[in-house]
Each structure stands twice: as structure tokens, then as C-alpha cells.
Amino acid sequence: MIERGWNKAELSRQSGISPAFICEIVDGTGNPSIKTLEAIAKALNVEAPRLLEHHMNDTWIGDAIKLPPGYERVSAILPTFDAYLVKKKAMETQMKLNKLKSKTSKRKRPSKKS
């Protein structure tokens, strides 16, 4: 939504979902159906599961879905062992991203002067 320059009203218009319900969903108080998630995903031109990813750990998705250069988000169906390996790598990468995010946010904080 943010990377498209849309506000909640525009997402409502594009998805056909009421503005009040969009606000509830964005604020985390709404409980959308699969059909509603699919409408929002279609409006945003993303896969529906991507809308749920930010609830898994502290990811970059809350920051307008802008990943650092050299990173990309993927979704795949894999055999169990391959999925295990990918999840393990994803956890390692998430830890690296969290450290990078932490360093970035520390640089943006104003320094305290006595």
C-alpha cells in the first residue's frame, strides 16, 4: 500500500472492500476472510500469502516492503527436507536483516547533547 503511494481509502476503492474494514485490517483488529485477502492482494498485485508475512517475526514488510539491495522475497512449494533447509536459511537471513535494520535505525536517531 505504502510503496504504491496509496492510503487506506485508495486501497478500499481498488479492492472493493469498505474503508472501515480496511482500517480494521490494517490496524490489526479486523478478521478478513480468504476472499477479502484475495481482493486486497489482487488490488496490490501481490500473492495473498505475502499479506500475512509481516506477522512472522519483526520483518521489513512493515517498512513499506522495501528490502535492502541484494535481497528478494520468494514463495515456493518444496519437498519437506528442502523446505526445512529454506526455513533455516530464512531464519538466518532474518537475523541478519534485523541487525541491519537495528543499525540503520540507530543512525537515524538524533544524538543527545548535554
PDB file of N, CA and C in Angstrom:
ATOM      1  N   MET A   1       0.830  -1.179   0.000  1.00  0.00           N
ATOM      2  CA  MET A   1       0.000   0.000   0.000  1.00  0.00           C
ATOM      3  C   MET A   1       0.878   1.247   0.000  1.00  0.00           C
ATOM      4  N   ILE A   2       1.833   1.285   0.916  1.00  0.00           N
ATOM      5  CA  ILE A   2       2.696   2.458   1.045  1.00  0.00           C
ATOM      6  C   ILE A   2       3.565   2.632  -0.189  1.00  0.00           C
ATOM      7  N   GLU A   3       4.145   1.507  -0.679  1.00  0.00           N
ATOM      8  CA  GLU A   3       5.045   1.643  -1.832  1.00  0.00           C
ATOM      9  C   GLU A   3       4.302   2.076  -3.089  1.00  0.00           C
ATOM     10  N   ARG A   4       2.998   1.908  -3.131  1.00  0.00           N
ATOM     11  CA  ARG A   4       2.193   2.381  -4.259  1.00  0.00           C
ATOM     12  C   ARG A   4       1.752   3.830  -4.078  1.00  0.00           C
ATOM     13  N   GLY A   5       1.999   4.379  -2.898  1.00  0.00           N
ATOM     14  CA  GLY A   5       1.552   5.738  -2.622  1.00  0.00           C
ATOM     15  C   GLY A   5       0.067   5.794  -2.306  1.00  0.00           C
ATOM     16  N   TRP A   6      -0.507   4.662  -1.908  1.00  0.00           N
ATOM     17  CA  TRP A   6      -1.934   4.599  -1.597  1.00  0.00           C
ATOM     18  C   TRP A   6      -2.165   4.809  -0.112  1.00  0.00           C
ATOM     19  N   ASN A   7      -3.293   5.410   0.195  1.00  0.00           N
ATOM     20  CA  ASN A   7      -3.750   5.449   1.575  1.00  0.00           C
ATOM     21  C   ASN A   7      -4.839   4.387   1.730  1.00  0.00           C
ATOM     22  N   LYS A   8      -5.427   4.310   2.899  1.00  0.00           N
ATOM     23  CA  LYS A   8      -6.444   3.285   3.145  1.00  0.00           C
ATOM     24  C   LYS A   8      -7.672   3.468   2.243  1.00  0.00           C
ATOM     25  N   ALA A   9      -8.043   4.717   1.984  1.00  0.00           N
ATOM     26  CA  ALA A   9      -9.207   4.987   1.126  1.00  0.00           C
ATOM     27  C   ALA A   9      -8.965   4.479  -0.296  1.00  0.00           C
ATOM     28  N   GLU A  10      -7.745   4.670  -0.804  1.00  0.00           N
ATOM     29  CA  GLU A  10      -7.434   4.197  -2.157  1.00  0.00           C
ATOM     30  C   GLU A  10      -7.419   2.671  -2.206  1.00  0.00           C
ATOM     31  N   LEU A  11      -6.873   2.035  -1.185  1.00  0.00           N
ATOM     32  CA  LEU A  11      -6.897   0.575  -1.144  1.00  0.00           C
ATOM     33  C   LEU A  11      -8.335   0.078  -1.103  1.00  0.00           C
ATOM     34  N   SER A  12      -9.178   0.759  -0.371  1.00  0.00           N
ATOM     35  CA  SER A  12     -10.595   0.404  -0.321  1.00  0.00           C
ATOM     36  C   SER A  12     -11.221   0.511  -1.709  1.00  0.00           C
ATOM     37  N   ARG A  13     -10.956   1.597  -2.382  1.00  0.00           N
ATOM     38  CA  ARG A  13     -11.512   1.812  -3.725  1.00  0.00           C
ATOM     39  C   ARG A  13     -11.020   0.745  -4.697  1.00  0.00           C
ATOM     40  N   GLN A  14      -9.731   0.452  -4.665  1.00  0.00           N
ATOM     41  CA  GLN A  14      -9.146  -0.505  -5.615  1.00  0.00           C
ATOM     42  C   GLN A  14      -9.578  -1.946  -5.338  1.00  0.00           C
ATOM     43  N   SER A  15      -9.806  -2.276  -4.062  1.00  0.00           N
ATOM     44  CA  SER A  15     -10.133  -3.659  -3.697  1.00  0.00           C
ATOM     45  C   SER A  15     -11.627  -3.928  -3.596  1.00  0.00           C
ATOM     46  N   GLY A  16     -12.419  -2.873  -3.459  1.00  0.00           N
ATOM     47  CA  GLY A  16     -13.859  -3.071  -3.281  1.00  0.00           C
ATOM     48  C   GLY A  16     -14.232  -3.429  -1.849  1.00  0.00           C
ATOM     49  N   ILE A  17     -13.314  -3.267  -0.923  1.00  0.00           N
ATOM     50  CA  ILE A  17     -13.562  -3.546   0.489  1.00  0.00           C
ATOM     51  C   ILE A  17     -13.880  -2.217   1.178  1.00  0.00           C
ATOM     52  N   SER A  18     -14.815  -2.222   2.118  1.00  0.00           N
ATOM     53  CA  SER A  18     -15.230  -0.972   2.758  1.00  0.00           C
ATOM     54  C   SER A  18     -14.058  -0.284   3.456  1.00  0.00           C
ATOM     55  N   PRO A  19     -14.060   1.054   3.453  1.00  0.00           N
ATOM     56  CA  PRO A  19     -12.980   1.787   4.124  1.00  0.00           C
ATOM     57  C   PRO A  19     -12.849   1.418   5.606  1.00  0.00           C
ATOM     58  N   ALA A  20     -13.977   1.235   6.279  1.00  0.00           N
ATOM     59  CA  ALA A  20     -13.935   0.899   7.705  1.00  0.00           C
ATOM     60  C   ALA A  20     -13.250  -0.454   7.923  1.00  0.00           C
ATOM     61  N   PHE A  21     -13.556  -1.426   7.062  1.00  0.00           N
ATOM     62  CA  PHE A  21     -12.956  -2.746   7.226  1.00  0.00           C
ATOM     63  C   PHE A  21     -11.476  -2.717   6.861  1.00  0.00           C
ATOM     64  N   ILE A  22     -11.104  -1.943   5.846  1.00  0.00           N
ATOM     65  CA  ILE A  22      -9.679  -1.781   5.514  1.00  0.00           C
ATOM     66  C   ILE A  22      -8.937  -1.230   6.726  1.00  0.00           C
ATOM     67  N   CYS A  23      -9.504  -0.230   7.392  1.00  0.00           N
ATOM     68  CA  CYS A  23      -8.867   0.343   8.591  1.00  0.00           C
ATOM     69  C   CYS A  23      -8.691  -0.721   9.669  1.00  0.00           C
ATOM     70  N   GLU A  24      -9.717  -1.541   9.886  1.00  0.00           N
ATOM     71  CA  GLU A  24      -9.622  -2.602  10.894  1.00  0.00           C
ATOM     72  C   GLU A  24      -8.529  -3.609  10.532  1.00  0.00           C
ATOM     73  N   ILE A  25      -8.449  -3.978   9.268  1.00  0.00           N
ATOM     74  CA  ILE A  25      -7.439  -4.943   8.825  1.00  0.00           C
ATOM     75  C   ILE A  25      -6.039  -4.367   9.016  1.00  0.00           C
ATOM     76  N   VAL A  26      -5.837  -3.140   8.562  1.00  0.00           N
ATOM     77  CA  VAL A  26      -4.525  -2.503   8.663  1.00  0.00           C
ATOM     78  C   VAL A  26      -4.127  -2.310  10.128  1.00  0.00           C
ATOM     79  N   ASP A  27      -5.096  -1.980  10.970  1.00  0.00           N
ATOM     80  CA  ASP A  27      -4.826  -1.769  12.390  1.00  0.00           C
ATOM     81  C   ASP A  27      -4.681  -3.072  13.170  1.00  0.00           C
ATOM     82  N   GLY A  28      -4.997  -4.204  12.523  1.00  0.00           N
ATOM     83  CA  GLY A  28      -4.841  -5.493  13.171  1.00  0.00           C
ATOM     84  C   GLY A  28      -6.034  -5.942  13.981  1.00  0.00           C
ATOM     85  N   THR A  29      -7.153  -5.234  13.881  1.00  0.00           N
ATOM     86  CA  THR A  29      -8.344  -5.623  14.632  1.00  0.00           C
ATOM     87  C   THR A  29      -9.363  -6.348  13.764  1.00  0.00           C
ATOM     88  N   GLY A  30      -9.224  -6.258  12.445  1.00  0.00           N
ATOM     89  CA  GLY A  30     -10.154  -6.931  11.532  1.00  0.00           C
ATOM     90  C   GLY A  30      -9.768  -8.383  11.341  1.00  0.00           C
ATOM     91  N   ASN A  31     -10.732  -9.196  10.969  1.00  0.00           N
ATOM     92  CA  ASN A  31     -10.501 -10.617  10.725  1.00  0.00           C
ATOM     93  C   ASN A  31     -10.997 -10.939   9.309  1.00  0.00           C
ATOM     94  N   PRO A  32     -10.182 -10.647   8.303  1.00  0.00           N
ATOM     95  CA  PRO A  32     -10.641 -10.800   6.920  1.00  0.00           C
ATOM     96  C   PRO A  32     -10.759 -12.264   6.494  1.00  0.00           C
ATOM     97  N   SER A  33     -11.703 -12.508   5.621  1.00  0.00           N
ATOM     98  CA  SER A  33     -11.857 -13.837   5.025  1.00  0.00           C
ATOM     99  C   SER A  33     -10.807 -14.019   3.937  1.00  0.00           C
ATOM    100  N   ILE A  34     -10.693 -15.243   3.464  1.00  0.00           N
ATOM    101  CA  ILE A  34      -9.777 -15.523   2.345  1.00  0.00           C
ATOM    102  C   ILE A  34     -10.192 -14.697   1.134  1.00  0.00           C
ATOM    103  N   LYS A  35     -11.482 -14.598   0.889  1.00  0.00           N
ATOM    104  CA  LYS A  35     -11.982 -13.823  -0.251  1.00  0.00           C
ATOM    105  C   LYS A  35     -11.567 -12.352  -0.135  1.00  0.00           C
ATOM    106  N   THR A  36     -11.642 -11.805   1.061  1.00  0.00           N
ATOM    107  CA  THR A  36     -11.227 -10.412   1.285  1.00  0.00           C
ATOM    108  C   THR A  36      -9.728 -10.253   1.068  1.00  0.00           C
ATOM    109  N   LEU A  37      -8.937 -11.186   1.609  1.00  0.00           N
ATOM    110  CA  LEU A  37      -7.485 -11.133   1.404  1.00  0.00           C
ATOM    111  C   LEU A  37      -7.135 -11.229  -0.077  1.00  0.00           C
ATOM    112  N   GLU A  38      -7.854 -12.081  -0.798  1.00  0.00           N
ATOM    113  CA  GLU A  38      -7.599 -12.211  -2.233  1.00  0.00           C
ATOM    114  C   GLU A  38      -7.929 -10.914  -2.966  1.00  0.00           C
ATOM    115  N   ALA A  39      -8.997 -10.226  -2.569  1.00  0.00           N
ATOM    116  CA  ALA A  39      -9.354  -8.949  -3.206  1.00  0.00           C
ATOM    117  C   ALA A  39      -8.282  -7.890  -2.941  1.00  0.00           C
ATOM    118  N   ILE A  40      -7.788  -7.860  -1.724  1.00  0.00           N
ATOM    119  CA  ILE A  40      -6.737  -6.899  -1.384  1.00  0.00           C
ATOM    120  C   ILE A  40      -5.451  -7.241  -2.128  1.00  0.00           C
ATOM    121  N   ALA A  41      -5.097  -8.523  -2.148  1.00  0.00           N
ATOM    122  CA  ALA A  41      -3.887  -8.949  -2.853  1.00  0.00           C
ATOM    123  C   ALA A  41      -3.977  -8.610  -4.338  1.00  0.00           C
ATOM    124  N   LYS A  42      -5.130  -8.842  -4.929  1.00  0.00           N
ATOM    125  CA  LYS A  42      -5.311  -8.529  -6.351  1.00  0.00           C
ATOM    126  C   LYS A  42      -5.138  -7.026  -6.587  1.00  0.00           C
ATOM    127  N   ALA A  43      -5.723  -6.212  -5.712  1.00  0.00           N
ATOM    128  CA  ALA A  43      -5.595  -4.754  -5.851  1.00  0.00           C
ATOM    129  C   ALA A  43      -4.137  -4.317  -5.741  1.00  0.00           C
ATOM    130  N   LEU A  44      -3.384  -4.975  -4.850  1.00  0.00           N
ATOM    131  CA  LEU A  44      -1.980  -4.620  -4.639  1.00  0.00           C
ATOM    132  C   LEU A  44      -1.040  -5.325  -5.614  1.00  0.00           C
ATOM    133  N   ASN A  45      -1.594  -6.261  -6.394  1.00  0.00           N
ATOM    134  CA  ASN A  45      -0.815  -7.037  -7.360  1.00  0.00           C
ATOM    135  C   ASN A  45       0.288  -7.851  -6.674  1.00  0.00           C
ATOM    136  N   VAL A  46      -0.103  -8.523  -5.580  1.00  0.00           N
ATOM    137  CA  VAL A  46       0.797  -9.417  -4.856  1.00  0.00           C
ATOM    138  C   VAL A  46       0.072 -10.725  -4.591  1.00  0.00           C
ATOM    139  N   GLU A  47       0.821 -11.760  -4.237  1.00  0.00           N
ATOM    140  CA  GLU A  47       0.221 -13.029  -3.846  1.00  0.00           C
ATOM    141  C   GLU A  47      -0.383 -12.868  -2.453  1.00  0.00           C
ATOM    142  N   ALA A  48      -1.537 -13.476  -2.209  1.00  0.00           N
ATOM    143  CA  ALA A  48      -2.233 -13.349  -0.925  1.00  0.00           C
ATOM    144  C   ALA A  48      -1.365 -13.731   0.278  1.00  0.00           C
ATOM    145  N   PRO A  49      -0.571 -14.809   0.231  1.00  0.00           N
ATOM    146  CA  PRO A  49       0.241 -15.140   1.409  1.00  0.00           C
ATOM    147  C   PRO A  49       1.210 -14.025   1.821  1.00  0.00           C
ATOM    148  N   ARG A  50       1.605 -13.220   0.881  1.00  0.00           N
ATOM    149  CA  ARG A  50       2.533 -12.128   1.202  1.00  0.00           C
ATOM    150  C   ARG A  50       1.914 -11.132   2.184  1.00  0.00           C
ATOM    151  N   LEU A  51       0.592 -11.029   2.169  1.00  0.00           N
ATOM    152  CA  LEU A  51      -0.083 -10.112   3.086  1.00  0.00           C
ATOM    153  C   LEU A  51       0.044 -10.561   4.537  1.00  0.00           C
ATOM    154  N   LEU A  52       0.311 -11.837   4.740  1.00  0.00           N
ATOM    155  CA  LEU A  52       0.386 -12.378   6.093  1.00  0.00           C
ATOM    156  C   LEU A  52       1.806 -12.456   6.628  1.00  0.00           C
ATOM    157  N   GLU A  53       2.796 -12.248   5.804  1.00  0.00           N
ATOM    158  CA  GLU A  53       4.185 -12.473   6.185  1.00  0.00           C
ATOM    159  C   GLU A  53       4.668 -11.589   7.320  1.00  0.00           C
ATOM    160  N   HIS A  54       4.184 -10.371   7.431  1.00  0.00           N
ATOM    161  CA  HIS A  54       4.711  -9.475   8.459  1.00  0.00           C
ATOM    162  C   HIS A  54       4.381  -9.923   9.871  1.00  0.00           C
ATOM    163  N   HIS A  55       3.467 -10.869  10.027  1.00  0.00           N
ATOM    164  CA  HIS A  55       3.133 -11.355  11.366  1.00  0.00           C
ATOM    165  C   HIS A  55       4.145 -12.372  11.872  1.00  0.00           C
ATOM    166  N   MET A  56       5.068 -12.781  11.024  1.00  0.00           N
ATOM    167  CA  MET A  56       6.072 -13.767  11.411  1.00  0.00           C
ATOM    168  C   MET A  56       7.384 -13.052  11.701  1.00  0.00           C
ATOM    169  N   ASN A  57       7.621 -12.755  12.967  1.00  0.00           N
ATOM    170  CA  ASN A  57       8.828 -12.058  13.414  1.00  0.00           C
ATOM    171  C   ASN A  57       8.785 -10.586  13.025  1.00  0.00           C
ATOM    172  N   ASP A  58       9.844  -9.899  13.330  1.00  0.00           N
ATOM    173  CA  ASP A  58       9.960  -8.484  13.006  1.00  0.00           C
ATOM    174  C   ASP A  58      10.635  -8.361  11.646  1.00  0.00           C
ATOM    175  N   THR A  59       9.839  -8.249  10.601  1.00  0.00           N
ATOM    176  CA  THR A  59      10.411  -8.244   9.268  1.00  0.00           C
ATOM    177  C   THR A  59      10.406  -6.836   8.684  1.00  0.00           C
ATOM    178  N   TRP A  60      10.924  -6.736   7.486  1.00  0.00           N
ATOM    179  CA  TRP A  60      10.979  -5.462   6.782  1.00  0.00           C
ATOM    180  C   TRP A  60       9.652  -5.120   6.125  1.00  0.00           C
ATOM    181  N   ILE A  61       8.685  -6.020   6.196  1.00  0.00           N
ATOM    182  CA  ILE A  61       7.439  -5.758   5.487  1.00  0.00           C
ATOM    183  C   ILE A  61       6.720  -4.537   6.040  1.00  0.00           C
ATOM    184  N   GLY A  62       6.875  -4.269   7.329  1.00  0.00           N
ATOM    185  CA  GLY A  62       6.262  -3.089   7.904  1.00  0.00           C
ATOM    186  C   GLY A  62       6.899  -1.799   7.426  1.00  0.00           C
ATOM    187  N   ASP A  63       8.047  -1.898   6.807  1.00  0.00           N
ATOM    188  CA  ASP A  63       8.744  -0.729   6.289  1.00  0.00           C
ATOM    189  C   ASP A  63       8.526  -0.596   4.787  1.00  0.00           C
ATOM    190  N   ALA A  64       7.268  -0.576   4.409  1.00  0.00           N
ATOM    191  CA  ALA A  64       6.871  -0.376   3.008  1.00  0.00           C
ATOM    192  C   ALA A  64       7.413  -1.459   2.077  1.00  0.00           C
ATOM    193  N   ILE A  65       7.655  -2.631   2.608  1.00  0.00           N
ATOM    194  CA  ILE A  65       8.094  -3.784   1.832  1.00  0.00           C
ATOM    195  C   ILE A  65       9.375  -3.485   1.039  1.00  0.00           C
ATOM    196  N   LYS A  66      10.205  -2.622   1.555  1.00  0.00           N
ATOM    197  CA  LYS A  66      11.460  -2.303   0.871  1.00  0.00           C
ATOM    198  C   LYS A  66      12.573  -3.119   1.507  1.00  0.00           C
ATOM    199  N   LEU A  67      13.010  -4.130   0.814  1.00  0.00           N
ATOM    200  CA  LEU A  67      14.126  -4.939   1.296  1.00  0.00           C
ATOM    201  C   LEU A  67      15.432  -4.282   0.887  1.00  0.00           C
ATOM    202  N   PRO A  68      16.487  -4.543   1.637  1.00  0.00           N
ATOM    203  CA  PRO A  68      17.785  -3.980   1.260  1.00  0.00           C
ATOM    204  C   PRO A  68      18.233  -4.521  -0.095  1.00  0.00           C
ATOM    205  N   PRO A  69      19.098  -3.810  -0.780  1.00  0.00           N
ATOM    206  CA  PRO A  69      19.620  -4.301  -2.060  1.00  0.00           C
ATOM    207  C   PRO A  69      20.235  -5.692  -1.901  1.00  0.00           C
ATOM    208  N   GLY A  70      20.004  -6.542  -2.862  1.00  0.00           N
ATOM    209  CA  GLY A  70      20.562  -7.884  -2.825  1.00  0.00           C
ATOM    210  C   GLY A  70      19.651  -8.914  -2.178  1.00  0.00           C
ATOM    211  N   TYR A  71      18.470  -8.498  -1.707  1.00  0.00           N
ATOM    212  CA  TYR A  71      17.511  -9.413  -1.098  1.00  0.00           C
ATOM    213  C   TYR A  71      16.227  -9.420  -1.917  1.00  0.00           C
ATOM    214  N   GLU A  72      15.561 -10.552  -1.941  1.00  0.00           N
ATOM    215  CA  GLU A  72      14.251 -10.618  -2.565  1.00  0.00           C
ATOM    216  C   GLU A  72      13.391 -11.611  -1.801  1.00  0.00           C
ATOM    217  N   ARG A  73      12.098 -11.411  -1.849  1.00  0.00           N
ATOM    218  CA  ARG A  73      11.137 -12.266  -1.169  1.00  0.00           C
ATOM    219  C   ARG A  73      10.660 -13.312  -2.168  1.00  0.00           C
ATOM    220  N   VAL A  74      10.615 -14.588  -1.743  1.00  0.00           N
ATOM    221  CA  VAL A  74      10.171 -15.663  -2.622  1.00  0.00           C
ATOM    222  C   VAL A  74       9.153 -16.543  -1.900  1.00  0.00           C
ATOM    223  N   SER A  75       8.377 -17.250  -2.679  1.00  0.00           N
ATOM    224  CA  SER A  75       7.421 -18.214  -2.155  1.00  0.00           C
ATOM    225  C   SER A  75       7.526 -19.452  -3.027  1.00  0.00           C
ATOM    226  N   ALA A  76       7.557 -20.638  -2.409  1.00  0.00           N
ATOM    227  CA  ALA A  76       7.736 -21.858  -3.193  1.00  0.00           C
ATOM    228  C   ALA A  76       7.091 -23.044  -2.495  1.00  0.00           C
ATOM    229  N   ILE A  77       6.763 -24.049  -3.271  1.00  0.00           N
ATOM    230  CA  ILE A  77       6.309 -25.330  -2.746  1.00  0.00           C
ATOM    231  C   ILE A  77       7.460 -26.297  -2.934  1.00  0.00           C
ATOM    232  N   LEU A  78       7.898 -26.899  -1.813  1.00  0.00           N
ATOM    233  CA  LEU A  78       9.093 -27.738  -1.830  1.00  0.00           C
ATOM    234  C   LEU A  78       8.855 -29.048  -1.086  1.00  0.00           C
ATOM    235  N   PRO A  79       9.669 -30.067  -1.385  1.00  0.00           N
ATOM    236  CA  PRO A  79       9.642 -31.280  -0.559  1.00  0.00           C
ATOM    237  C   PRO A  79      10.034 -30.916   0.878  1.00  0.00           C
ATOM    238  N   THR A  80       9.617 -31.716   1.841  1.00  0.00           N
ATOM    239  CA  THR A  80       9.789 -31.415   3.261  1.00  0.00           C
ATOM    240  C   THR A  80      11.225 -31.045   3.636  1.00  0.00           C
ATOM    241  N   PHE A  81      12.194 -31.842   3.222  1.00  0.00           N
ATOM    242  CA  PHE A  81      13.573 -31.556   3.617  1.00  0.00           C
ATOM    243  C   PHE A  81      14.070 -30.252   3.000  1.00  0.00           C
ATOM    244  N   ASP A  82      13.754 -30.035   1.745  1.00  0.00           N
ATOM    245  CA  ASP A  82      14.161 -28.783   1.099  1.00  0.00           C
ATOM    246  C   ASP A  82      13.509 -27.586   1.793  1.00  0.00           C
ATOM    247  N   ALA A  83      12.248 -27.743   2.187  1.00  0.00           N
ATOM    248  CA  ALA A  83      11.550 -26.671   2.898  1.00  0.00           C
ATOM    249  C   ALA A  83      12.236 -26.392   4.232  1.00  0.00           C
ATOM    250  N   TYR A  84      12.677 -27.441   4.918  1.00  0.00           N
ATOM    251  CA  TYR A  84      13.409 -27.281   6.168  1.00  0.00           C
ATOM    252  C   TYR A  84      14.679 -26.440   5.951  1.00  0.00           C
ATOM    253  N   LEU A  85      15.421 -26.775   4.907  1.00  0.00           N
ATOM    254  CA  LEU A  85      16.654 -26.036   4.617  1.00  0.00           C
ATOM    255  C   LEU A  85      16.368 -24.570   4.301  1.00  0.00           C
ATOM    256  N   VAL A  86      15.326 -24.332   3.535  1.00  0.00           N
ATOM    257  CA  VAL A  86      14.969 -22.961   3.175  1.00  0.00           C
ATOM    258  C   VAL A  86      14.524 -22.192   4.424  1.00  0.00           C
ATOM    259  N   LYS A  87      13.732 -22.821   5.286  1.00  0.00           N
ATOM    260  CA  LYS A  87      13.292 -22.152   6.519  1.00  0.00           C
ATOM    261  C   LYS A  87      14.484 -21.821   7.413  1.00  0.00           C
ATOM    262  N   LYS A  88      15.435 -22.739   7.489  1.00  0.00           N
ATOM    263  CA  LYS A  88      16.638 -22.494   8.288  1.00  0.00           C
ATOM    264  C   LYS A  88      17.407 -21.297   7.732  1.00  0.00           C
ATOM    265  N   LYS A  89      17.579 -21.260   6.422  1.00  0.00           N
ATOM    266  CA  LYS A  89      18.276 -20.136   5.777  1.00  0.00           C
ATOM    267  C   LYS A  89      17.480 -18.843   5.970  1.00  0.00           C
ATOM    268  N   ALA A  90      16.158 -18.940   5.903  1.00  0.00           N
ATOM    269  CA  ALA A  90      15.313 -17.756   6.087  1.00  0.00           C
ATOM    270  C   ALA A  90      15.481 -17.183   7.493  1.00  0.00           C
ATOM    271  N   MET A  91      15.580 -18.058   8.487  1.00  0.00           N
ATOM    272  CA  MET A  91      15.781 -17.585   9.861  1.00  0.00           C
ATOM    273  C   MET A  91      17.134 -16.892  10.005  1.00  0.00           C
ATOM    274  N   GLU A  92      18.163 -17.458   9.405  1.00  0.00           N
ATOM    275  CA  GLU A  92      19.492 -16.844   9.455  1.00  0.00           C
ATOM    276  C   GLU A  92      19.468 -15.470   8.772  1.00  0.00           C
ATOM    277  N   THR A  93      18.821 -15.415   7.630  1.00  0.00           N
ATOM    278  CA  THR A  93      18.736 -14.149   6.885  1.00  0.00           C
ATOM    279  C   THR A  93      17.928 -13.127   7.663  1.00  0.00           C
ATOM    280  N   GLN A  94      16.830 -13.570   8.303  1.00  0.00           N
ATOM    281  CA  GLN A  94      16.009 -12.657   9.093  1.00  0.00           C
ATOM    282  C   GLN A  94      16.826 -12.040  10.226  1.00  0.00           C
ATOM    283  N   MET A  95      17.677 -12.845  10.848  1.00  0.00           N
ATOM    284  CA  MET A  95      18.534 -12.315  11.923  1.00  0.00           C
ATOM    285  C   MET A  95      19.486 -11.258  11.362  1.00  0.00           C
ATOM    286  N   LYS A  96      20.052 -11.501  10.175  1.00  0.00           N
ATOM    287  CA  LYS A  96      20.936 -10.519   9.545  1.00  0.00           C
ATOM    288  C   LYS A  96      20.174  -9.239   9.226  1.00  0.00           C
ATOM    289  N   LEU A  97      18.954  -9.383   8.701  1.00  0.00           N
ATOM    290  CA  LEU A  97      18.147  -8.209   8.365  1.00  0.00           C
ATOM    291  C   LEU A  97      17.778  -7.422   9.622  1.00  0.00           C
ATOM    292  N   ASN A  98      17.454  -8.117  10.700  1.00  0.00           N
ATOM    293  CA  ASN A  98      17.121  -7.426  11.944  1.00  0.00           C
ATOM    294  C   ASN A  98      18.312  -6.629  12.461  1.00  0.00           C
ATOM    295  N   LYS A  99      19.517  -7.204  12.362  1.00  0.00           N
ATOM    296  CA  LYS A  99      20.718  -6.476  12.775  1.00  0.00           C
ATOM    297  C   LYS A  99      20.941  -5.258  11.893  1.00  0.00           C
ATOM    298  N   LEU A 100      20.765  -5.443  10.586  1.00  0.00           N
ATOM    299  CA  LEU A 100      20.923  -4.334   9.649  1.00  0.00           C
ATOM    300  C   LEU A 100      19.887  -3.251   9.924  1.00  0.00           C
ATOM    301  N   LYS A 101      18.658  -3.659  10.182  1.00  0.00           N
ATOM    302  CA  LYS A 101      17.591  -2.704  10.480  1.00  0.00           C
ATOM    303  C   LYS A 101      17.900  -1.944  11.758  1.00  0.00           C
ATOM    304  N   SER A 102      18.402  -2.662  12.759  1.00  0.00           N
ATOM    305  CA  SER A 102      18.747  -2.045  14.033  1.00  0.00           C
ATOM    306  C   SER A 102      19.851  -1.003  13.844  1.00  0.00           C
ATOM    307  N   LYS A 103      20.876  -1.341  13.075  1.00  0.00           N
ATOM    308  CA  LYS A 103      21.967  -0.395  12.806  1.00  0.00           C
ATOM    309  C   LYS A 103      21.452   0.827  12.068  1.00  0.00           C
ATOM    310  N   THR A 104      20.561   0.601  11.106  1.00  0.00           N
ATOM    311  CA  THR A 104      20.009   1.696  10.315  1.00  0.00           C
ATOM    312  C   THR A 104      19.182   2.628  11.190  1.00  0.00           C
ATOM    313  N   SER A 105      18.349   2.062  12.068  1.00  0.00           N
ATOM    314  CA  SER A 105      17.504   2.906  12.911  1.00  0.00           C
ATOM    315  C   SER A 105      18.331   3.655  13.953  1.00  0.00           C
ATOM    316  N   LYS A 106      19.444   3.083  14.422  1.00  0.00           N
ATOM    317  CA  LYS A 106      20.309   3.780  15.375  1.00  0.00           C
ATOM    318  C   LYS A 106      20.965   4.994  14.732  1.00  0.00           C
ATOM    319  N   ARG A 107      21.316   4.881  13.448  1.00  0.00           N
ATOM    320  CA  ARG A 107      21.938   6.012  12.741  1.00  0.00           C
ATOM    321  C   ARG A 107      20.955   7.155  12.546  1.00  0.00           C
ATOM    322  N   LYS A 108      19.660   6.839  12.467  1.00  0.00           N
ATOM    323  CA  LYS A 108      18.645   7.872  12.224  1.00  0.00           C
ATOM    324  C   LYS A 108      18.246   8.619  13.487  1.00  0.00           C
ATOM    325  N   ARG A 109      18.555   8.058  14.670  1.00  0.00           N
ATOM    326  CA  ARG A 109      18.164   8.700  15.930  1.00  0.00           C
ATOM    327  C   ARG A 109      19.019   9.931  16.172  1.00  0.00           C
ATOM    328  N   PRO A 110      18.391  11.013  16.635  1.00  0.00           N
ATOM    329  CA  PRO A 110      19.184  12.212  16.948  1.00  0.00           C
ATOM    330  C   PRO A 110      20.028  11.954  18.191  1.00  0.00           C
ATOM    331  N   SER A 111      21.204  12.515  18.194  1.00  0.00           N
ATOM    332  CA  SER A 111      22.102  12.325  19.340  1.00  0.00           C
ATOM    333  C   SER A 111      21.662  13.236  20.485  1.00  0.00           C
ATOM    334  N   LYS A 112      21.886  12.754  21.717  1.00  0.00           N
ATOM    335  CA  LYS A 112      21.535  13.541  22.896  1.00  0.00           C
ATOM    336  C   LYS A 112      22.726  14.416  23.270  1.00  0.00           C
ATOM    337  N   LYS A 113      22.455  15.680  23.421  1.00  0.00           N
ATOM    338  CA  LYS A 113      23.516  16.615  23.805  1.00  0.00           C
ATOM    339  C   LYS A 113      23.244  17.104  25.221  1.00  0.00           C
ATOM    340  N   SER A 114      24.255  17.129  26.045  1.00  0.00           N
ATOM    341  CA  SER A 114      24.087  17.567  27.441  1.00  0.00           C
ATOM    342  C   SER A 114      24.338  19.035  27.576  1.00  0.00           C
TER     343      SER A 114
END
